[in-house]
């Protein structure tokens, strides 16, 4: 909204024109096995610059499960929430799986202004999917990383953490057999996409991320130093500054 000084009151001074800019909308999408509650600190770093929105995907956190569990279902949930929030188009930050959902939406709709992904695995194969599903055995998690098991129990009170693990394994297997995003169809995306990755992320390789960046019409790439995959280990101050600069 622009406010102009009243006419005819003073001719000796030039009145300033004050422009009040609305903050852009920013939707935060969590990763597999995650919830929106992981974004609390990031929100405090971004809320001065953006109108922040976030959600739990179905079956995660306190969100009731649906019959379908996967990228297409989660993308439709984003569209449903955007309708509820009366958002026509939106900027998105998507962590890991959330970045895949954001990119899928950018491919199939015109509802994404810009998307910043971080730690997102784009190029799935059956072999890679099989390797990843081995890591999601609840008994092994209980034995080797009991603290993570307790964290998952606390996160997923609605569906139960072992059930979320099982459904996530099914989703990953499905992506391995039929990847929804390819180097060919990524080229069809008009939205500006920033591919973010940590230089120590063992989940997503630098070569793969560079390939995705080159496949995009309007691609950017952002490498975070001394950064591994887990969200809890990210430098959120640096991440917030990078999101703000991109969007």
C-alpha atoms as a PDB file:
ATOM      1  CA  UNK A   1       0.000   0.000   0.000  1.00  0.00           C
ATOM      2  CA  UNK A   2       1.368   3.430  -0.970  1.00  0.00           C
ATOM      3  CA  UNK A   3       0.543   6.584   1.020  1.00  0.00           C
ATOM      4  CA  UNK A   4       0.956   9.953  -0.687  1.00  0.00           C
ATOM      5  CA  UNK A   5       1.140  13.249   1.215  1.00  0.00           C
ATOM      6  CA  UNK A   6      -1.995  15.379   1.041  1.00  0.00           C
ATOM      7  CA  UNK A   7      -2.036  17.959  -1.745  1.00  0.00           C
ATOM      8  CA  UNK A   8      -1.898  21.751  -1.232  1.00  0.00           C
ATOM      9  CA  UNK A   9      -0.800  21.751   2.407  1.00  0.00           C
ATOM     10  CA  UNK A  10       2.848  22.713   2.059  1.00  0.00           C
ATOM     11  CA  UNK A  11       4.922  23.780  -0.933  1.00  0.00           C
ATOM     12  CA  UNK A  12       8.260  24.313   0.816  1.00  0.00           C
ATOM     13  CA  UNK A  13       8.986  20.721   1.817  1.00  0.00           C
ATOM     14  CA  UNK A  14       9.049  17.449  -0.032  1.00  0.00           C
ATOM     15  CA  UNK A  15       7.116  14.816   1.865  1.00  0.00           C
ATOM     16  CA  UNK A  16       8.472  11.273   1.761  1.00  0.00           C
ATOM     17  CA  UNK A  17       6.460   8.489   0.202  1.00  0.00           C
ATOM     18  CA  UNK A  18       6.116   5.556   2.557  1.00  0.00           C
ATOM     19  CA  UNK A  19       5.777   2.141   0.971  1.00  0.00           C
ATOM     20  CA  UNK A  20       4.591  -0.692   3.206  1.00  0.00           C
ATOM     21  CA  UNK A  21       5.537  -3.998   1.648  1.00  0.00           C
ATOM     22  CA  UNK A  22       3.694  -7.153   2.531  1.00  0.00           C
ATOM     23  CA  UNK A  23       5.939  -9.988   3.582  1.00  0.00           C
ATOM     24  CA  UNK A  24       6.112 -12.807   1.024  1.00  0.00           C
ATOM     25  CA  UNK A  25       4.526 -16.133   1.938  1.00  0.00           C
ATOM     26  CA  UNK A  26       6.829 -19.053   2.731  1.00  0.00           C
ATOM     27  CA  UNK A  27       5.730 -22.649   3.255  1.00  0.00           C
ATOM     28  CA  UNK A  28       8.037 -25.025   5.144  1.00  0.00           C
ATOM     29  CA  UNK A  29       7.820 -28.748   4.314  1.00  0.00           C
ATOM     30  CA  UNK A  30       9.429 -31.352   6.552  1.00  0.00           C
ATOM     31  CA  UNK A  31      11.300 -34.483   5.531  1.00  0.00           C
ATOM     32  CA  UNK A  32      10.560 -38.182   5.836  1.00  0.00           C
ATOM     33  CA  UNK A  33      10.097 -39.272   9.474  1.00  0.00           C
ATOM     34  CA  UNK A  34       9.940 -35.587  10.426  1.00  0.00           C
ATOM     35  CA  UNK A  35       7.255 -33.166  11.584  1.00  0.00           C
ATOM     36  CA  UNK A  36       6.562 -29.462  11.388  1.00  0.00           C
ATOM     37  CA  UNK A  37       7.735 -29.097  15.007  1.00  0.00           C
ATOM     38  CA  UNK A  38      11.326 -29.377  13.806  1.00  0.00           C
ATOM     39  CA  UNK A  39      10.963 -25.937  12.240  1.00  0.00           C
ATOM     40  CA  UNK A  40      10.382 -23.941  15.457  1.00  0.00           C
ATOM     41  CA  UNK A  41      13.859 -22.401  15.581  1.00  0.00           C
ATOM     42  CA  UNK A  42      13.989 -21.808  11.825  1.00  0.00           C
ATOM     43  CA  UNK A  43      10.642 -20.027  11.992  1.00  0.00           C
ATOM     44  CA  UNK A  44      11.967 -17.601  14.618  1.00  0.00           C
ATOM     45  CA  UNK A  45      14.825 -16.757  12.251  1.00  0.00           C
ATOM     46  CA  UNK A  46      12.551 -16.184   9.254  1.00  0.00           C
ATOM     47  CA  UNK A  47       9.316 -14.734  10.604  1.00  0.00           C
ATOM     48  CA  UNK A  48      10.550 -11.145  10.370  1.00  0.00           C
ATOM     49  CA  UNK A  49      10.914 -11.561   6.602  1.00  0.00           C
ATOM     50  CA  UNK A  50       8.081 -13.949   5.673  1.00  0.00           C
ATOM     51  CA  UNK A  51       4.555 -14.983   6.473  1.00  0.00           C
ATOM     52  CA  UNK A  52       5.303 -18.551   7.529  1.00  0.00           C
ATOM     53  CA  UNK A  53       3.103 -21.577   6.921  1.00  0.00           C
ATOM     54  CA  UNK A  54       3.805 -25.208   7.675  1.00  0.00           C
ATOM     55  CA  UNK A  55       2.017 -28.530   8.052  1.00  0.00           C
ATOM     56  CA  UNK A  56       2.446 -32.146   9.024  1.00  0.00           C
ATOM     57  CA  UNK A  57       2.065 -34.595   6.165  1.00  0.00           C
ATOM     58  CA  UNK A  58      -0.550 -37.246   6.909  1.00  0.00           C
ATOM     59  CA  UNK A  59       0.684 -40.061   9.128  1.00  0.00           C
ATOM     60  CA  UNK A  60       3.396 -37.811  10.588  1.00  0.00           C
ATOM     61  CA  UNK A  61       3.372 -36.165  13.987  1.00  0.00           C
ATOM     62  CA  UNK A  62      -0.186 -35.703  15.195  1.00  0.00           C
ATOM     63  CA  UNK A  63      -1.686 -35.832  11.684  1.00  0.00           C
ATOM     64  CA  UNK A  64      -4.043 -38.761  11.143  1.00  0.00           C
ATOM     65  CA  UNK A  65      -2.948 -41.215   8.434  1.00  0.00           C
ATOM     66  CA  UNK A  66      -4.720 -41.660   5.117  1.00  0.00           C
ATOM     67  CA  UNK A  67      -5.086 -44.780   3.011  1.00  0.00           C
ATOM     68  CA  UNK A  68      -2.452 -43.431   0.614  1.00  0.00           C
ATOM     69  CA  UNK A  69       1.047 -42.465   1.793  1.00  0.00           C
ATOM     70  CA  UNK A  70       3.511 -40.899  -0.599  1.00  0.00           C
ATOM     71  CA  UNK A  71       4.632 -37.946  -2.671  1.00  0.00           C
ATOM     72  CA  UNK A  72       1.425 -37.473  -4.677  1.00  0.00           C
ATOM     73  CA  UNK A  73      -0.722 -37.656  -1.540  1.00  0.00           C
ATOM     74  CA  UNK A  74       1.524 -35.186   0.262  1.00  0.00           C
ATOM     75  CA  UNK A  75       1.509 -32.799  -2.720  1.00  0.00           C
ATOM     76  CA  UNK A  76      -2.290 -32.846  -2.753  1.00  0.00           C
ATOM     77  CA  UNK A  77      -2.292 -32.114   0.968  1.00  0.00           C
ATOM     78  CA  UNK A  78      -0.193 -29.021   0.312  1.00  0.00           C
ATOM     79  CA  UNK A  79      -2.738 -27.842  -2.259  1.00  0.00           C
ATOM     80  CA  UNK A  80      -5.586 -28.492   0.190  1.00  0.00           C
ATOM     81  CA  UNK A  81      -3.857 -26.446   2.880  1.00  0.00           C
ATOM     82  CA  UNK A  82      -3.084 -23.645   0.428  1.00  0.00           C
ATOM     83  CA  UNK A  83      -6.790 -23.476  -0.391  1.00  0.00           C
ATOM     84  CA  UNK A  84      -7.603 -23.344   3.323  1.00  0.00           C
ATOM     85  CA  UNK A  85      -5.062 -20.556   3.835  1.00  0.00           C
ATOM     86  CA  UNK A  86      -6.313 -18.766   0.697  1.00  0.00           C
ATOM     87  CA  UNK A  87      -2.876 -18.897  -0.962  1.00  0.00           C
ATOM     88  CA  UNK A  88      -2.811 -18.908  -4.744  1.00  0.00           C
ATOM     89  CA  UNK A  89       0.965 -19.279  -5.166  1.00  0.00           C
ATOM     90  CA  UNK A  90       3.676 -19.687  -2.562  1.00  0.00           C
ATOM     91  CA  UNK A  91       7.413 -19.896  -1.986  1.00  0.00           C
ATOM     92  CA  UNK A  92       8.528 -23.186  -0.451  1.00  0.00           C
ATOM     93  CA  UNK A  93      11.442 -24.404   1.604  1.00  0.00           C
ATOM     94  CA  UNK A  94      11.499 -28.193   1.531  1.00  0.00           C
ATOM     95  CA  UNK A  95      13.883 -30.275   3.589  1.00  0.00           C
ATOM     96  CA  UNK A  96      14.777 -33.701   2.165  1.00  0.00           C
ATOM     97  CA  UNK A  97      11.450 -35.339   1.168  1.00  0.00           C
ATOM     98  CA  UNK A  98       9.774 -31.943   1.553  1.00  0.00           C
ATOM     99  CA  UNK A  99      12.006 -30.645  -1.240  1.00  0.00           C
ATOM    100  CA  UNK A 100      10.912 -33.520  -3.453  1.00  0.00           C
ATOM    101  CA  UNK A 101       7.259 -32.662  -2.778  1.00  0.00           C
ATOM    102  CA  UNK A 102       7.919 -28.986  -3.553  1.00  0.00           C
ATOM    103  CA  UNK A 103       9.644 -29.846  -6.835  1.00  0.00           C
ATOM    104  CA  UNK A 104       6.874 -32.270  -7.797  1.00  0.00           C
ATOM    105  CA  UNK A 105       4.348 -29.468  -7.229  1.00  0.00           C
ATOM    106  CA  UNK A 106       6.436 -27.083  -9.337  1.00  0.00           C
ATOM    107  CA  UNK A 107       6.440 -29.651 -12.149  1.00  0.00           C
ATOM    108  CA  UNK A 108       2.714 -30.366 -12.130  1.00  0.00           C
ATOM    109  CA  UNK A 109       1.176 -27.032 -11.078  1.00  0.00           C
ATOM    110  CA  UNK A 110       1.817 -23.307 -11.393  1.00  0.00           C
ATOM    111  CA  UNK A 111       1.388 -22.816  -7.638  1.00  0.00           C
ATOM    112  CA  UNK A 112       5.083 -22.600  -6.694  1.00  0.00           C
ATOM    113  CA  UNK A 113       6.789 -19.220  -6.974  1.00  0.00           C
ATOM    114  CA  UNK A 114      10.247 -20.316  -5.859  1.00  0.00           C
ATOM    115  CA  UNK A 115      11.434 -23.468  -4.101  1.00  0.00           C
ATOM    116  CA  UNK A 116      14.533 -23.939  -1.981  1.00  0.00           C
ATOM    117  CA  UNK A 117      15.326 -27.612  -1.397  1.00  0.00           C
ATOM    118  CA  UNK A 118      17.912 -28.967   1.016  1.00  0.00           C
ATOM    119  CA  UNK A 119      19.225 -32.509   1.244  1.00  0.00           C
ATOM    120  CA  UNK A 120      16.718 -33.758  -1.309  1.00  0.00           C
ATOM    121  CA  UNK A 121      17.318 -37.047  -3.083  1.00  0.00           C
ATOM    122  CA  UNK A 122      15.978 -36.628  -6.623  1.00  0.00           C
ATOM    123  CA  UNK A 123      17.415 -39.488  -8.698  1.00  0.00           C
ATOM    124  CA  UNK A 124      16.088 -42.732  -7.219  1.00  0.00           C
ATOM    125  CA  UNK A 125      17.018 -46.210  -8.416  1.00  0.00           C
ATOM    126  CA  UNK A 126      15.891 -49.648  -7.189  1.00  0.00           C
ATOM    127  CA  UNK A 127      19.370 -50.312  -5.793  1.00  0.00           C
ATOM    128  CA  UNK A 128      19.548 -47.053  -3.877  1.00  0.00           C
ATOM    129  CA  UNK A 129      16.010 -47.498  -2.540  1.00  0.00           C
ATOM    130  CA  UNK A 130      16.810 -51.007  -1.312  1.00  0.00           C
ATOM    131  CA  UNK A 131      19.882 -49.718   0.493  1.00  0.00           C
ATOM    132  CA  UNK A 132      17.900 -46.942   2.173  1.00  0.00           C
ATOM    133  CA  UNK A 133      15.062 -49.193   3.330  1.00  0.00           C
ATOM    134  CA  UNK A 134      17.570 -51.376   5.195  1.00  0.00           C
ATOM    135  CA  UNK A 135      18.244 -48.397   7.448  1.00  0.00           C
ATOM    136  CA  UNK A 136      14.574 -48.230   8.464  1.00  0.00           C
ATOM    137  CA  UNK A 137      14.376 -51.481  10.410  1.00  0.00           C
ATOM    138  CA  UNK A 138      12.864 -50.585  13.812  1.00  0.00           C
ATOM    139  CA  UNK A 139      14.715 -53.358  15.650  1.00  0.00           C
ATOM    140  CA  UNK A 140      18.070 -52.175  14.318  1.00  0.00           C
ATOM    141  CA  UNK A 141      17.224 -48.576  15.215  1.00  0.00           C
ATOM    142  CA  UNK A 142      16.321 -49.655  18.766  1.00  0.00           C
ATOM    143  CA  UNK A 143      19.580 -51.536  19.112  1.00  0.00           C
ATOM    144  CA  UNK A 144      22.008 -49.147  17.432  1.00  0.00           C
ATOM    145  CA  UNK A 145      20.470 -45.686  17.965  1.00  0.00           C
ATOM    146  CA  UNK A 146      17.967 -45.997  20.853  1.00  0.00           C
ATOM    147  CA  UNK A 147      17.926 -42.225  21.347  1.00  0.00           C
ATOM    148  CA  UNK A 148      16.671 -41.794  17.765  1.00  0.00           C
ATOM    149  CA  UNK A 149      14.009 -44.442  18.403  1.00  0.00           C
ATOM    150  CA  UNK A 150      12.797 -42.485  21.430  1.00  0.00           C
ATOM    151  CA  UNK A 151      12.758 -39.311  19.359  1.00  0.00           C
ATOM    152  CA  UNK A 152      10.647 -40.994  16.675  1.00  0.00           C
ATOM    153  CA  UNK A 153       8.244 -42.308  19.322  1.00  0.00           C
ATOM    154  CA  UNK A 154       7.763 -38.781  20.640  1.00  0.00           C
ATOM    155  CA  UNK A 155       7.297 -37.300  17.150  1.00  0.00           C
ATOM    156  CA  UNK A 156       4.688 -39.666  15.768  1.00  0.00           C
ATOM    157  CA  UNK A 157       2.028 -39.980  18.416  1.00  0.00           C
ATOM    158  CA  UNK A 158      -0.859 -40.479  15.989  1.00  0.00           C
ATOM    159  CA  UNK A 159       0.339 -43.254  13.671  1.00  0.00           C
ATOM    160  CA  UNK A 160       3.112 -44.740  15.772  1.00  0.00           C
ATOM    161  CA  UNK A 161       6.773 -44.608  14.797  1.00  0.00           C
ATOM    162  CA  UNK A 162       7.111 -48.192  13.565  1.00  0.00           C
ATOM    163  CA  UNK A 163       4.119 -47.761  11.279  1.00  0.00           C
ATOM    164  CA  UNK A 164       5.598 -44.538   9.857  1.00  0.00           C
ATOM    165  CA  UNK A 165       8.844 -46.405   9.222  1.00  0.00           C
ATOM    166  CA  UNK A 166       7.002 -49.179   7.383  1.00  0.00           C
ATOM    167  CA  UNK A 167       5.057 -46.761   5.195  1.00  0.00           C
ATOM    168  CA  UNK A 168       8.183 -44.745   4.461  1.00  0.00           C
ATOM    169  CA  UNK A 169       9.945 -47.916   3.329  1.00  0.00           C
ATOM    170  CA  UNK A 170       7.055 -48.636   0.953  1.00  0.00           C
ATOM    171  CA  UNK A 171       7.217 -45.088  -0.412  1.00  0.00           C
ATOM    172  CA  UNK A 172      10.984 -45.311  -0.987  1.00  0.00           C
ATOM    173  CA  UNK A 173      10.632 -48.660  -2.725  1.00  0.00           C
ATOM    174  CA  UNK A 174       7.976 -47.125  -4.973  1.00  0.00           C
ATOM    175  CA  UNK A 175      10.257 -44.220  -5.876  1.00  0.00           C
ATOM    176  CA  UNK A 176      13.049 -46.655  -6.661  1.00  0.00           C
ATOM    177  CA  UNK A 177      10.826 -48.521  -9.077  1.00  0.00           C
ATOM    178  CA  UNK A 178       9.116 -45.460 -10.536  1.00  0.00           C
ATOM    179  CA  UNK A 179      10.848 -42.165  -9.874  1.00  0.00           C
ATOM    180  CA  UNK A 180       8.440 -39.241 -10.291  1.00  0.00           C
ATOM    181  CA  UNK A 181      11.198 -36.725 -11.066  1.00  0.00           C
ATOM    182  CA  UNK A 182      13.777 -37.293 -13.795  1.00  0.00           C
ATOM    183  CA  UNK A 183      16.423 -35.198 -15.514  1.00  0.00           C
ATOM    184  CA  UNK A 184      14.039 -34.975 -18.484  1.00  0.00           C
ATOM    185  CA  UNK A 185      10.909 -33.767 -16.725  1.00  0.00           C
ATOM    186  CA  UNK A 186      12.820 -31.479 -14.357  1.00  0.00           C
ATOM    187  CA  UNK A 187      13.603 -29.453 -17.469  1.00  0.00           C
ATOM    188  CA  UNK A 188       9.883 -28.695 -17.808  1.00  0.00           C
ATOM    189  CA  UNK A 189       9.723 -26.717 -14.537  1.00  0.00           C
ATOM    190  CA  UNK A 190       9.350 -22.962 -14.986  1.00  0.00           C
ATOM    191  CA  UNK A 191       9.661 -22.041 -11.307  1.00  0.00           C
ATOM    192  CA  UNK A 192      13.037 -21.007  -9.946  1.00  0.00           C
ATOM    193  CA  UNK A 193      14.494 -23.837  -7.877  1.00  0.00           C
ATOM    194  CA  UNK A 194      17.531 -23.708  -5.608  1.00  0.00           C
ATOM    195  CA  UNK A 195      19.193 -27.063  -4.960  1.00  0.00           C
ATOM    196  CA  UNK A 196      20.750 -26.928  -1.510  1.00  0.00           C
ATOM    197  CA  UNK A 197      23.073 -29.601  -0.175  1.00  0.00           C
ATOM    198  CA  UNK A 198      25.564 -30.101   2.597  1.00  0.00           C
ATOM    199  CA  UNK A 199      29.109 -30.945   1.614  1.00  0.00           C
ATOM    200  CA  UNK A 200      29.096 -33.802   4.151  1.00  0.00           C
ATOM    201  CA  UNK A 201      25.674 -35.223   3.255  1.00  0.00           C
ATOM    202  CA  UNK A 202      26.022 -38.954   2.595  1.00  0.00           C
ATOM    203  CA  UNK A 203      22.381 -39.199   1.492  1.00  0.00           C
ATOM    204  CA  UNK A 204      22.691 -36.878  -1.497  1.00  0.00           C
ATOM    205  CA  UNK A 205      25.828 -36.680  -3.612  1.00  0.00           C
ATOM    206  CA  UNK A 206      27.313 -33.509  -5.052  1.00  0.00           C
ATOM    207  CA  UNK A 207      27.409 -34.971  -8.582  1.00  0.00           C
ATOM    208  CA  UNK A 208      23.699 -35.817  -8.451  1.00  0.00           C
ATOM    209  CA  UNK A 209      22.776 -32.360  -7.165  1.00  0.00           C
ATOM    210  CA  UNK A 210      24.828 -30.693  -9.906  1.00  0.00           C
ATOM    211  CA  UNK A 211      23.082 -32.874 -12.518  1.00  0.00           C
ATOM    212  CA  UNK A 212      19.686 -31.781 -11.203  1.00  0.00           C
ATOM    213  CA  UNK A 213      20.811 -28.150 -11.152  1.00  0.00           C
ATOM    214  CA  UNK A 214      21.880 -28.354 -14.804  1.00  0.00           C
ATOM    215  CA  UNK A 215      18.592 -30.049 -15.782  1.00  0.00           C
ATOM    216  CA  UNK A 216      16.500 -27.161 -14.447  1.00  0.00           C
ATOM    217  CA  UNK A 217      15.583 -24.193 -16.652  1.00  0.00           C
ATOM    218  CA  UNK A 218      15.831 -21.800 -13.724  1.00  0.00           C
ATOM    219  CA  UNK A 219      18.155 -23.622 -11.382  1.00  0.00           C
ATOM    220  CA  UNK A 220      20.405 -22.417  -8.596  1.00  0.00           C
ATOM    221  CA  UNK A 221      22.701 -24.431  -6.364  1.00  0.00           C
ATOM    222  CA  UNK A 222      23.831 -23.733  -2.817  1.00  0.00           C
ATOM    223  CA  UNK A 223      26.447 -25.833  -0.993  1.00  0.00           C
ATOM    224  CA  UNK A 224      26.586 -25.588   2.805  1.00  0.00           C
ATOM    225  CA  UNK A 225      30.049 -26.191   4.306  1.00  0.00           C
ATOM    226  CA  UNK A 226      30.623 -28.700   7.112  1.00  0.00           C
ATOM    227  CA  UNK A 227      27.025 -29.875   6.844  1.00  0.00           C
ATOM    228  CA  UNK A 228      25.601 -33.380   7.110  1.00  0.00           C
ATOM    229  CA  UNK A 229      22.070 -34.576   6.381  1.00  0.00           C
ATOM    230  CA  UNK A 230      20.222 -34.548   9.758  1.00  0.00           C
ATOM    231  CA  UNK A 231      18.085 -31.443  10.169  1.00  0.00           C
ATOM    232  CA  UNK A 232      19.089 -31.105  13.824  1.00  0.00           C
ATOM    233  CA  UNK A 233      22.734 -30.640  12.772  1.00  0.00           C
ATOM    234  CA  UNK A 234      22.107 -27.835  10.298  1.00  0.00           C
ATOM    235  CA  UNK A 235      23.421 -24.322  10.821  1.00  0.00           C
ATOM    236  CA  UNK A 236      19.977 -22.728  10.892  1.00  0.00           C
ATOM    237  CA  UNK A 237      21.301 -19.165  10.937  1.00  0.00           C
ATOM    238  CA  UNK A 238      23.164 -19.805   7.688  1.00  0.00           C
ATOM    239  CA  UNK A 239      20.160 -21.643   6.232  1.00  0.00           C
ATOM    240  CA  UNK A 240      17.782 -18.794   7.084  1.00  0.00           C
ATOM    241  CA  UNK A 241      20.123 -16.252   5.492  1.00  0.00           C
ATOM    242  CA  UNK A 242      20.368 -18.381   2.346  1.00  0.00           C
ATOM    243  CA  UNK A 243      16.579 -18.773   2.074  1.00  0.00           C
ATOM    244  CA  UNK A 244      16.124 -15.037   2.581  1.00  0.00           C
ATOM    245  CA  UNK A 245      18.700 -14.201  -0.092  1.00  0.00           C
ATOM    246  CA  UNK A 246      17.175 -16.605  -2.631  1.00  0.00           C
ATOM    247  CA  UNK A 247      13.541 -15.672  -2.130  1.00  0.00           C
END
